[in-house]
C-alpha atoms as a PDB file:
ATOM      1  CA  MET A   1      23.394 -70.509  57.513  1.00  0.00           C
ATOM      2  CA  LYS A   2      22.228 -67.272  57.579  1.00  0.00           C
ATOM      3  CA  ASN A   3      18.746 -66.277  55.070  1.00  0.00           C
ATOM      4  CA  SER A   4      20.112 -63.447  52.362  1.00  0.00           C
ATOM      5  CA  PRO A   5      17.408 -60.459  52.925  1.00  0.00           C
ATOM      6  CA  PRO A   6      14.871 -60.007  50.807  1.00  0.00           C
ATOM      7  CA  SER A   7      15.179 -58.118  47.124  1.00  0.00           C
ATOM      8  CA  SER A   8      13.624 -55.164  47.346  1.00  0.00           C
ATOM      9  CA  ARG A   9      12.979 -55.680  43.376  1.00  0.00           C
ATOM     10  CA  PRO A  10       8.821 -57.141  43.163  1.00  0.00           C
ATOM     11  CA  LYS A  11       8.587 -60.303  42.265  1.00  0.00           C
ATOM     12  CA  ASN A  12       7.775 -60.868  38.287  1.00  0.00           C
ATOM     13  CA  VAL A  13       9.032 -57.788  37.384  1.00  0.00           C
ATOM     14  CA  ASP A  14      11.375 -57.221  34.489  1.00  0.00           C
ATOM     15  CA  PRO A  15      14.185 -55.181  35.609  1.00  0.00           C
ATOM     16  CA  SER A  16      14.232 -53.436  32.024  1.00  0.00           C
ATOM     17  CA  ASP A  17      10.725 -52.116  33.206  1.00  0.00           C
ATOM     18  CA  ASP A  18      12.673 -49.110  35.187  1.00  0.00           C
ATOM     19  CA  GLU A  19      13.674 -47.619  31.852  1.00  0.00           C
ATOM     20  CA  LEU A  20       9.888 -47.522  30.596  1.00  0.00           C
ATOM     21  CA  ILE A  21       8.968 -44.131  31.735  1.00  0.00           C
ATOM     22  CA  PRO A  22      12.219 -42.061  30.420  1.00  0.00           C
ATOM     23  CA  GLN A  23      11.757 -43.972  27.730  1.00  0.00           C
ATOM     24  CA  GLU A  24       8.141 -42.633  26.514  1.00  0.00           C
ATOM     25  CA  GLU A  25       9.095 -39.231  27.836  1.00  0.00           C
ATOM     26  CA  GLU A  26      11.662 -39.574  24.885  1.00  0.00           C
ATOM     27  CA  GLU A  27       9.369 -40.746  22.213  1.00  0.00           C
ATOM     28  CA  VAL A  28       7.172 -37.571  23.477  1.00  0.00           C
ATOM     29  CA  GLU A  29       9.919 -35.000  22.910  1.00  0.00           C
ATOM     30  CA  GLU A  30      10.668 -36.833  19.984  1.00  0.00           C
ATOM     31  CA  LYS A  31       6.925 -36.408  18.385  1.00  0.00           C
ATOM     32  CA  ALA A  32       6.498 -33.059  19.395  1.00  0.00           C
ATOM     33  CA  ALA A  33      10.342 -31.772  17.892  1.00  0.00           C
ATOM     34  CA  TRP A  34       8.599 -33.760  14.663  1.00  0.00           C
ATOM     35  CA  GLU A  35       5.406 -31.891  14.502  1.00  0.00           C
ATOM     36  CA  THR A  36       7.016 -28.588  15.144  1.00  0.00           C
ATOM     37  CA  THR A  37       9.552 -29.041  12.672  1.00  0.00           C
ATOM     38  CA  LEU A  38       6.979 -30.015  10.323  1.00  0.00           C
ATOM     39  CA  ALA A  39       4.459 -26.593  11.065  1.00  0.00           C
ATOM     40  CA  ASP A  40       7.466 -24.573  10.438  1.00  0.00           C
ATOM     41  CA  LEU A  41       8.001 -25.865   7.142  1.00  0.00           C
ATOM     42  CA  SER A  42       4.537 -25.812   6.046  1.00  0.00           C
ATOM     43  CA  MET A  43       4.416 -22.186   7.248  1.00  0.00           C
ATOM     44  CA  LEU A  44       7.695 -21.629   4.746  1.00  0.00           C
ATOM     45  CA  LEU A  45       6.061 -23.381   1.985  1.00  0.00           C
ATOM     46  CA  LEU A  46       2.811 -20.466   2.863  1.00  0.00           C
ATOM     47  CA  THR A  47       5.338 -17.901   2.474  1.00  0.00           C
ATOM     48  CA  PHE A  48       6.857 -19.465  -0.344  1.00  0.00           C
ATOM     49  CA  PHE A  49       3.751 -19.318  -2.349  1.00  0.00           C
ATOM     50  CA  VAL A  50       3.184 -15.989  -1.506  1.00  0.00           C
ATOM     51  CA  LEU A  51       6.391 -14.715  -2.751  1.00  0.00           C
ATOM     52  CA  LEU A  52       5.553 -16.854  -6.465  1.00  0.00           C
ATOM     53  CA  TYR A  53       2.071 -14.827  -6.149  1.00  0.00           C
ATOM     54  CA  THR A  54       3.967 -11.317  -5.881  1.00  0.00           C
ATOM     55  CA  MET A  55       6.115 -12.531  -8.677  1.00  0.00           C
ATOM     56  CA  SER A  56       4.158 -13.746 -11.080  1.00  0.00           C
ATOM     57  CA  THR A  57       0.802 -13.251 -12.707  1.00  0.00           C
ATOM     58  CA  LEU A  58      -1.066 -16.200 -11.238  1.00  0.00           C
ATOM     59  CA  ASP A  59      -4.977 -16.576 -11.284  1.00  0.00           C
ATOM     60  CA  THR A  60      -6.350 -15.009  -8.185  1.00  0.00           C
ATOM     61  CA  LYS A  61      -9.091 -18.234  -7.928  1.00  0.00           C
ATOM     62  CA  LYS A  62      -6.179 -20.358  -8.212  1.00  0.00           C
ATOM     63  CA  PHE A  63      -4.066 -18.788  -5.899  1.00  0.00           C
ATOM     64  CA  GLU A  64      -7.110 -18.479  -3.296  1.00  0.00           C
ATOM     65  CA  GLN A  65      -7.604 -22.167  -3.726  1.00  0.00           C
ATOM     66  CA  SER A  66      -4.317 -22.947  -2.685  1.00  0.00           C
ATOM     67  CA  PHE A  67      -3.904 -20.227   0.047  1.00  0.00           C
ATOM     68  CA  PHE A  68      -7.051 -21.959   1.775  1.00  0.00           C
ATOM     69  CA  SER A  69      -5.704 -25.602   1.279  1.00  0.00           C
ATOM     70  CA  VAL A  70      -2.525 -25.025   3.033  1.00  0.00           C
ATOM     71  CA  ARG A  71      -4.845 -22.675   5.698  1.00  0.00           C
ATOM     72  CA  VAL A  72      -6.971 -25.554   6.362  1.00  0.00           C
ATOM     73  CA  ALA A  73      -3.926 -28.198   6.618  1.00  0.00           C
ATOM     74  CA  LEU A  74      -2.215 -25.395   9.464  1.00  0.00           C
ATOM     75  CA  GLN A  75      -5.414 -25.449  11.400  1.00  0.00           C
ATOM     76  CA  GLU A  76      -5.676 -29.348  11.364  1.00  0.00           C
ATOM     77  CA  MET A  77      -2.123 -29.619  12.123  1.00  0.00           C
ATOM     78  CA  GLY A  78      -2.831 -26.783  14.984  1.00  0.00           C
ATOM     79  CA  GLY A  79      -5.966 -29.153  16.317  1.00  0.00           C
ATOM     80  CA  LYS A  80      -3.212 -31.610  16.931  1.00  0.00           C
ATOM     81  CA  GLY A  81      -1.381 -29.572  19.428  1.00  0.00           C
ATOM     82  CA  SER A  82       1.542 -28.334  17.097  1.00  0.00           C
ATOM     83  CA  GLY A  83       1.129 -25.047  18.512  1.00  0.00           C
ATOM     84  CA  VAL A  84      -0.209 -23.738  14.672  1.00  0.00           C
ATOM     85  CA  LYS A  85      -2.988 -21.210  14.367  1.00  0.00           C
ATOM     86  CA  VAL A  86      -4.543 -19.697  11.772  1.00  0.00           C
ATOM     87  CA  LEU A  87      -7.467 -16.894  12.602  1.00  0.00           C
ATOM     88  CA  GLU A  88      -9.913 -17.119   9.740  1.00  0.00           C
ATOM     89  CA  SER A  89     -10.485 -13.681  10.141  1.00  0.00           C
ATOM     90  CA  GLU A  90      -6.925 -12.830   9.465  1.00  0.00           C
ATOM     91  CA  GLY A  91      -6.787 -14.950   6.010  1.00  0.00           C
ATOM     92  CA  GLY A  92     -10.229 -13.357   5.157  1.00  0.00           C
ATOM     93  CA  VAL A  93      -8.337 -10.321   4.987  1.00  0.00           C
ATOM     94  CA  PHE A  94      -5.360 -11.338   3.254  1.00  0.00           C
ATOM     95  CA  VAL A  95      -7.532 -12.965   0.156  1.00  0.00           C
ATOM     96  CA  ASP A  96      -9.773  -9.773   0.060  1.00  0.00           C
ATOM     97  CA  GLU A  97      -6.474  -7.343   0.089  1.00  0.00           C
ATOM     98  CA  ILE A  98      -5.484  -9.750  -3.040  1.00  0.00           C
ATOM     99  CA  ARG A  99      -8.427  -9.844  -4.513  1.00  0.00           C
ATOM    100  CA  MET A 100      -8.880  -5.521  -4.362  1.00  0.00           C
ATOM    101  CA  LEU A 101      -4.866  -5.076  -5.227  1.00  0.00           C
ATOM    102  CA  ARG A 102      -5.416  -7.442  -8.892  1.00  0.00           C
ATOM    103  CA  GLU A 103      -9.070  -5.682  -9.170  1.00  0.00           C
ATOM    104  CA  MET A 104      -7.055  -2.247  -9.198  1.00  0.00           C
ATOM    105  CA  GLU A 105      -3.983  -3.277 -11.605  1.00  0.00           C
ATOM    106  CA  GLN A 106      -6.421  -4.863 -14.112  1.00  0.00           C
ATOM    107  CA  HIS A 107      -8.458  -1.296 -13.489  1.00  0.00           C
ATOM    108  CA  GLN A 108      -5.287   0.722 -14.150  1.00  0.00           C
ATOM    109  CA  GLN A 109      -4.370  -1.852 -17.510  1.00  0.00           C
ATOM    110  CA  GLN A 110      -7.858  -0.592 -19.212  1.00  0.00           C
ATOM    111  CA  VAL A 111      -7.748   2.842 -17.900  1.00  0.00           C
ATOM    112  CA  PHE A 112      -4.120   2.717 -19.794  1.00  0.00           C
ATOM    113  CA  SER A 113      -5.732   0.641 -22.442  1.00  0.00           C
ATOM    114  CA  ASP A 114      -8.367   3.659 -22.970  1.00  0.00           C
ATOM    115  CA  PHE A 115      -5.529   6.612 -22.714  1.00  0.00           C
ATOM    116  CA  ASN A 116      -3.805   4.784 -25.784  1.00  0.00           C
ATOM    117  CA  MET A 117      -6.922   5.003 -27.584  1.00  0.00           C
ATOM    118  CA  TYR A 118      -7.809   8.637 -26.540  1.00  0.00           C
ATOM    119  CA  ALA A 119      -4.321   9.381 -27.873  1.00  0.00           C
ATOM    120  CA  THR A 120      -4.679   8.326 -30.886  1.00  0.00           C
ATOM    121  CA  GLN A 121      -8.364   9.908 -31.102  1.00  0.00           C
ATOM    122  CA  HIS A 122      -6.813  13.139 -30.641  1.00  0.00           C
ATOM    123  CA  GLY A 123      -3.517  13.268 -32.597  1.00  0.00           C
ATOM    124  CA  LEU A 124      -1.465  12.766 -29.643  1.00  0.00           C
ATOM    125  CA  GLN A 125       0.822   9.958 -30.218  1.00  0.00           C
ATOM    126  CA  GLY A 126       4.428  11.104 -30.755  1.00  0.00           C
ATOM    127  CA  ILE A 127       3.239  14.034 -28.274  1.00  0.00           C
ATOM    128  CA  VAL A 128       2.402  12.477 -24.926  1.00  0.00           C
ATOM    129  CA  GLY A 129       4.512   9.428 -23.884  1.00  0.00           C
ATOM    130  CA  ALA A 130       2.644   6.962 -21.585  1.00  0.00           C
ATOM    131  CA  ARG A 131       3.853   3.832 -19.824  1.00  0.00           C
ATOM    132  CA  LEU A 132       1.950   1.511 -17.261  1.00  0.00           C
ATOM    133  CA  GLU A 133       4.184   0.877 -13.600  1.00  0.00           C
ATOM    134  CA  ALA A 134       3.342  -0.974 -10.725  1.00  0.00           C
ATOM    135  CA  GLY A 135      -0.625  -0.018 -11.249  1.00  0.00           C
ATOM    136  CA  LYS A 136       0.344   3.476 -11.951  1.00  0.00           C
ATOM    137  CA  ILE A 137      -0.299   5.316 -15.311  1.00  0.00           C
ATOM    138  CA  ILE A 138       2.796   7.531 -16.143  1.00  0.00           C
ATOM    139  CA  LEU A 139       1.975  10.541 -18.921  1.00  0.00           C
ATOM    140  CA  GLN A 140       5.106  12.300 -19.964  1.00  0.00           C
ATOM    141  CA  LEU A 141       5.321  15.865 -21.863  1.00  0.00           C
ATOM    142  CA  PRO A 142       8.528  17.053 -23.013  1.00  0.00           C
ATOM    143  CA  GLU A 143       9.538  20.519 -21.742  1.00  0.00           C
ATOM    144  CA  ALA A 144       9.256  22.070 -25.117  1.00  0.00           C
ATOM    145  CA  VAL A 145       5.770  21.240 -25.840  1.00  0.00           C
ATOM    146  CA  LEU A 146       4.917  22.972 -22.316  1.00  0.00           C
ATOM    147  CA  PHE A 147       7.478  25.604 -21.621  1.00  0.00           C
ATOM    148  CA  ALA A 148       9.959  28.032 -23.004  1.00  0.00           C
ATOM    149  CA  ARG A 149      13.890  27.226 -22.148  1.00  0.00           C
ATOM    150  CA  GLY A 150      13.983  27.699 -18.490  1.00  0.00           C
ATOM    151  CA  GLN A 151      10.767  29.457 -17.507  1.00  0.00           C
ATOM    152  CA  ALA A 152       7.829  28.267 -15.679  1.00  0.00           C
ATOM    153  CA  ASP A 153       4.678  29.379 -17.330  1.00  0.00           C
ATOM    154  CA  LEU A 154       2.659  27.558 -20.028  1.00  0.00           C
ATOM    155  CA  SER A 155       2.881  28.019 -23.432  1.00  0.00           C
ATOM    156  CA  PRO A 156      -0.138  28.328 -25.676  1.00  0.00           C
ATOM    157  CA  GLU A 157       1.019  24.927 -27.046  1.00  0.00           C
ATOM    158  CA  GLY A 158       1.476  23.450 -23.247  1.00  0.00           C
ATOM    159  CA  GLN A 159      -2.037  25.230 -22.576  1.00  0.00           C
ATOM    160  CA  ARG A 160      -3.363  23.125 -25.254  1.00  0.00           C
ATOM    161  CA  ALA A 161      -1.229  20.071 -24.392  1.00  0.00           C
ATOM    162  CA  VAL A 162      -2.712  19.931 -20.933  1.00  0.00           C
ATOM    163  CA  ALA A 163      -6.467  20.979 -22.192  1.00  0.00           C
ATOM    164  CA  ASN A 164      -6.658  17.654 -24.130  1.00  0.00           C
ATOM    165  CA  LEU A 165      -5.132  15.968 -21.141  1.00  0.00           C
ATOM    166  CA  ARG A 166      -8.055  17.563 -18.912  1.00  0.00           C
ATOM    167  CA  ASP A 167     -10.717  16.051 -20.945  1.00  0.00           C
ATOM    168  CA  PHE A 168      -9.283  12.630 -20.517  1.00  0.00           C
ATOM    169  CA  PHE A 169      -8.788  13.360 -16.759  1.00  0.00           C
ATOM    170  CA  ILE A 170     -12.547  13.651 -16.901  1.00  0.00           C
ATOM    171  CA  GLN A 171     -13.434  10.609 -18.160  1.00  0.00           C
ATOM    172  CA  VAL A 172     -11.175   8.888 -15.126  1.00  0.00           C
ATOM    173  CA  PRO A 173     -12.763  10.473 -12.402  1.00  0.00           C
ATOM    174  CA  ASP A 174     -11.085   7.968  -9.998  1.00  0.00           C
ATOM    175  CA  GLN A 175      -7.645   8.801 -10.875  1.00  0.00           C
ATOM    176  CA  ARG A 176      -5.970  11.147  -8.330  1.00  0.00           C
ATOM    177  CA  VAL A 177      -2.846  13.054 -10.685  1.00  0.00           C
ATOM    178  CA  THR A 178       0.517  14.275  -9.106  1.00  0.00           C
ATOM    179  CA  ILE A 179       2.345  16.090 -11.741  1.00  0.00           C
ATOM    180  CA  ILE A 180       6.090  15.889 -11.553  1.00  0.00           C
ATOM    181  CA  GLY A 181       8.170  18.454 -12.521  1.00  0.00           C
ATOM    182  CA  HIS A 182      11.504  17.439 -14.218  1.00  0.00           C
ATOM    183  CA  THR A 183      14.775  19.343 -15.557  1.00  0.00           C
ATOM    184  CA  ASP A 184      18.045  18.532 -16.978  1.00  0.00           C
ATOM    185  CA  GLY A 185      21.526  18.769 -14.945  1.00  0.00           C
ATOM    186  CA  VAL A 186      22.582  22.019 -16.578  1.00  0.00           C
ATOM    187  CA  PRO A 187      22.444  24.646 -13.727  1.00  0.00           C
ATOM    188  CA  VAL A 188      19.683  27.215 -13.721  1.00  0.00           C
ATOM    189  CA  VAL A 189      21.319  30.867 -15.166  1.00  0.00           C
ATOM    190  CA  PRO A 190      22.480  33.305 -12.081  1.00  0.00           C
ATOM    191  CA  GLY A 191      20.651  36.153 -11.233  1.00  0.00           C
ATOM    192  CA  GLY A 192      17.334  34.520 -12.844  1.00  0.00           C
ATOM    193  CA  ARG A 193      14.162  34.364 -11.746  1.00  0.00           C
ATOM    194  CA  PHE A 194      15.069  31.208 -10.090  1.00  0.00           C
ATOM    195  CA  ARG A 195      17.381  30.143  -7.343  1.00  0.00           C
ATOM    196  CA  ASP A 196      18.500  26.497  -9.018  1.00  0.00           C
ATOM    197  CA  ASN A 197      16.535  23.883 -10.390  1.00  0.00           C
ATOM    198  CA  TRP A 198      14.620  21.870  -7.993  1.00  0.00           C
ATOM    199  CA  GLU A 199      12.315  25.493  -7.432  1.00  0.00           C
ATOM    200  CA  LEU A 200      12.126  25.649 -11.257  1.00  0.00           C
ATOM    201  CA  SER A 201      11.206  21.710 -11.237  1.00  0.00           C
ATOM    202  CA  THR A 202       8.544  22.607  -9.101  1.00  0.00           C
ATOM    203  CA  MET A 203       6.921  26.297 -10.120  1.00  0.00           C
ATOM    204  CA  ARG A 204       6.417  24.358 -13.661  1.00  0.00           C
ATOM    205  CA  ALA A 205       4.360  21.310 -11.890  1.00  0.00           C
ATOM    206  CA  VAL A 206       2.384  24.480  -9.848  1.00  0.00           C
ATOM    207  CA  ALA A 207       1.430  26.071 -13.079  1.00  0.00           C
ATOM    208  CA  VAL A 208       0.596  22.885 -14.552  1.00  0.00           C
ATOM    209  CA  VAL A 209      -1.779  22.032 -11.226  1.00  0.00           C
ATOM    210  CA  ARG A 210      -3.215  25.434 -11.661  1.00  0.00           C
ATOM    211  CA  ALA A 211      -3.866  25.473 -15.171  1.00  0.00           C
ATOM    212  CA  LEU A 212      -5.875  22.504 -14.730  1.00  0.00           C
ATOM    213  CA  MET A 213      -7.784  23.534 -11.442  1.00  0.00           C
ATOM    214  CA  ALA A 214      -8.697  26.748 -13.616  1.00  0.00           C
ATOM    215  CA  MET A 215     -10.056  24.357 -16.698  1.00  0.00           C
ATOM    216  CA  GLY A 216     -12.258  22.715 -14.156  1.00  0.00           C
ATOM    217  CA  ILE A 217     -10.128  19.270 -12.325  1.00  0.00           C
ATOM    218  CA  ALA A 218     -10.982  19.070  -8.717  1.00  0.00           C
ATOM    219  CA  PRO A 219      -8.073  20.607  -6.334  1.00  0.00           C
ATOM    220  CA  SER A 220      -8.564  17.305  -4.376  1.00  0.00           C
ATOM    221  CA  ARG A 221      -7.461  15.326  -7.253  1.00  0.00           C
ATOM    222  CA  LEU A 222      -4.450  17.364  -7.989  1.00  0.00           C
ATOM    223  CA  SER A 223      -1.043  17.619  -6.275  1.00  0.00           C
ATOM    224  CA  ALA A 224       2.372  18.970  -7.517  1.00  0.00           C
ATOM    225  CA  MET A 225       6.186  17.948  -6.829  1.00  0.00           C
ATOM    226  CA  GLY A 226       9.595  19.247  -8.589  1.00  0.00           C
ATOM    227  CA  LEU A 227      12.228  16.853  -8.553  1.00  0.00           C
ATOM    228  CA  ALA A 228      14.856  18.916 -10.394  1.00  0.00           C
ATOM    229  CA  ASP A 229      17.544  16.360 -12.241  1.00  0.00           C
ATOM    230  CA  SER A 230      17.425  13.469  -9.440  1.00  0.00           C
ATOM    231  CA  LYS A 231      15.364  11.196 -11.443  1.00  0.00           C
ATOM    232  CA  PRO A 232      16.812  11.536 -15.193  1.00  0.00           C
ATOM    233  CA  LEU A 233      15.774   9.176 -17.986  1.00  0.00           C
ATOM    234  CA  VAL A 234      19.103   8.707 -19.528  1.00  0.00           C
ATOM    235  CA  PRO A 235      22.824  10.031 -18.759  1.00  0.00           C
ATOM    236  CA  GLU A 236      23.286  13.698 -20.422  1.00  0.00           C
ATOM    237  CA  THR A 237      25.992  13.596 -22.791  1.00  0.00           C
ATOM    238  CA  ASP A 238      24.826  15.925 -25.021  1.00  0.00           C
ATOM    239  CA  GLU A 239      21.722  18.391 -25.678  1.00  0.00           C
ATOM    240  CA  ALA A 240      19.472  15.488 -27.065  1.00  0.00           C
ATOM    241  CA  SER A 241      20.201  13.228 -23.641  1.00  0.00           C
ATOM    242  CA  ARG A 242      19.509  16.640 -21.598  1.00  0.00           C
ATOM    243  CA  ALA A 243      16.532  17.625 -23.582  1.00  0.00           C
ATOM    244  CA  ARG A 244      14.815  14.237 -22.989  1.00  0.00           C
ATOM    245  CA  ASN A 245      15.243  14.512 -19.331  1.00  0.00           C
ATOM    246  CA  ARG A 246      13.365  17.853 -19.036  1.00  0.00           C
ATOM    247  CA  ARG A 247       9.647  17.063 -18.691  1.00  0.00           C
ATOM    248  CA  VAL A 248       7.086  16.922 -17.209  1.00  0.00           C
ATOM    249  CA  GLU A 249       5.272  13.709 -16.121  1.00  0.00           C
ATOM    250  CA  PHE A 250       1.696  13.090 -14.761  1.00  0.00           C
ATOM    251  CA  VAL A 251       1.091  10.110 -12.911  1.00  0.00           C
ATOM    252  CA  LEU A 252      -2.295   8.739 -12.418  1.00  0.00           C
ATOM    253  CA  GLU A 253      -2.950   5.919  -9.106  1.00  0.00           C
ATOM    254  CA  LYS A 254      -6.834   4.655  -9.014  1.00  0.00           C
ATOM    255  CA  THR A 255      -8.136   5.922  -5.836  1.00  0.00           C
ATOM    256  CA  ILE A 256     -10.419   3.443  -3.166  1.00  0.00           C
ATOM    257  CA  GLY A 257     -12.896   5.373  -0.778  1.00  0.00           C
ATOM    258  CA  GLY A 258     -10.661   8.405  -1.605  1.00  0.00           C
ATOM    259  CA  VAL A 259      -7.767   7.700  -0.555  1.00  0.00           C
ATOM    260  CA  PRO A 260      -5.001   6.293  -3.562  1.00  0.00           C
END
């Protein structure tokens, strides 16, 4: 009887060992995929925290602590080969910007409170409207206080009103002032001084700027623009509603390093 050829498989080797290498590679791939998914989830959570901050009034210190905790976690994951890297300098700049924004908002709230007190002391309540929107202080004067109907020359009453505002502007030199003219939707009289409401609203804003400059406000703090009837306060259904829309607004923005 002929002897059968010897098997090429080494002795004492479990046939299942041939599958060890592919299985290990598969486990490694599954682990890498799991870490990548976790990294993505962590980044989404960080983004969610930032969105929550923008829509709320969280305490700055608490937010910074939360932000740093997430950042440290991401850095630790990055050290394990997940591919997540958080630059220390970028995180620092991000937090500094948040802190600066919050400080600016708090500063504008204080300026807004100061103006309300100023308006009470100088009898401007009921004449000058004031509101605070997204860090901007908006002071509003009706057309009737500043100009005759359809005109762009300040009336004597308008000169006094602008002078009262000028005194407050001097007290807040870090505020840049944008003067915006608004009209109603009624077209200007044909053949008159102004071609349309755009020109009328712009010339009214320019007239106020020139008055403030003559009263000592630096030109670098001032700018003028006219919006005609493009930004009405209320729908125009009668003369009272149209009168509300005819106005001049003074928008105050805090300057940082000379730039608002």
